[in-house]
Amino acid sequence: MERIENTEHVFADDIVITASSERELQHNLNIWNMGIIYRPILTYGCESWVLNKKEKVRIGAMEMKYLRKVKGVNRLQRQRNEDIRRELEIQPITEYIERRQLEWWGHLMRLPNNTPTRKIWEARSYGKRKRGIKKYTCKCIQ
């Protein structure tokens, strides 16, 4: 019991937060939020996405908007995205998405051929789609 009390006193005496360490703590919390909250929400279900160039640019812009706020830099200060990512030690989100897609593809390739997930992944449609508005052929719609 005495050791615990002594340890508590030592830690209580050592914890004096200066302005710079407070900023650093806030900075670390924001980076933690990026990995724990922001990135999973943004990339939920990304394994099955088909991204074109425009969508990749939009996702990257959204990510950089957050990272600039974390670092405390605005666009008028003209810092490169790569420099901000390097300082914050953050991987670009498009690379993260591509890695997740490759992991999912590897998982699919290890599945047996008769599983429904693999069958759907390997399914191909044949023939041409008719022109015009698609007519509903569902039995429930007449």
Foldseek 3Di string as FASTA:
>chain_A
DVVVVVVVVVVVVPPDDDPVNVLVVQLVVLLVCCVPPVLCVLCPPLLPDDDDPVRLVVLQVVVLVSLCVSVVHDCVVPDDPVVSCVVSVHDRSVVVSVVSNVVVVVVLVPDDCPDPVVCVVPDDDDDDDDDDDDDDPDPVPD
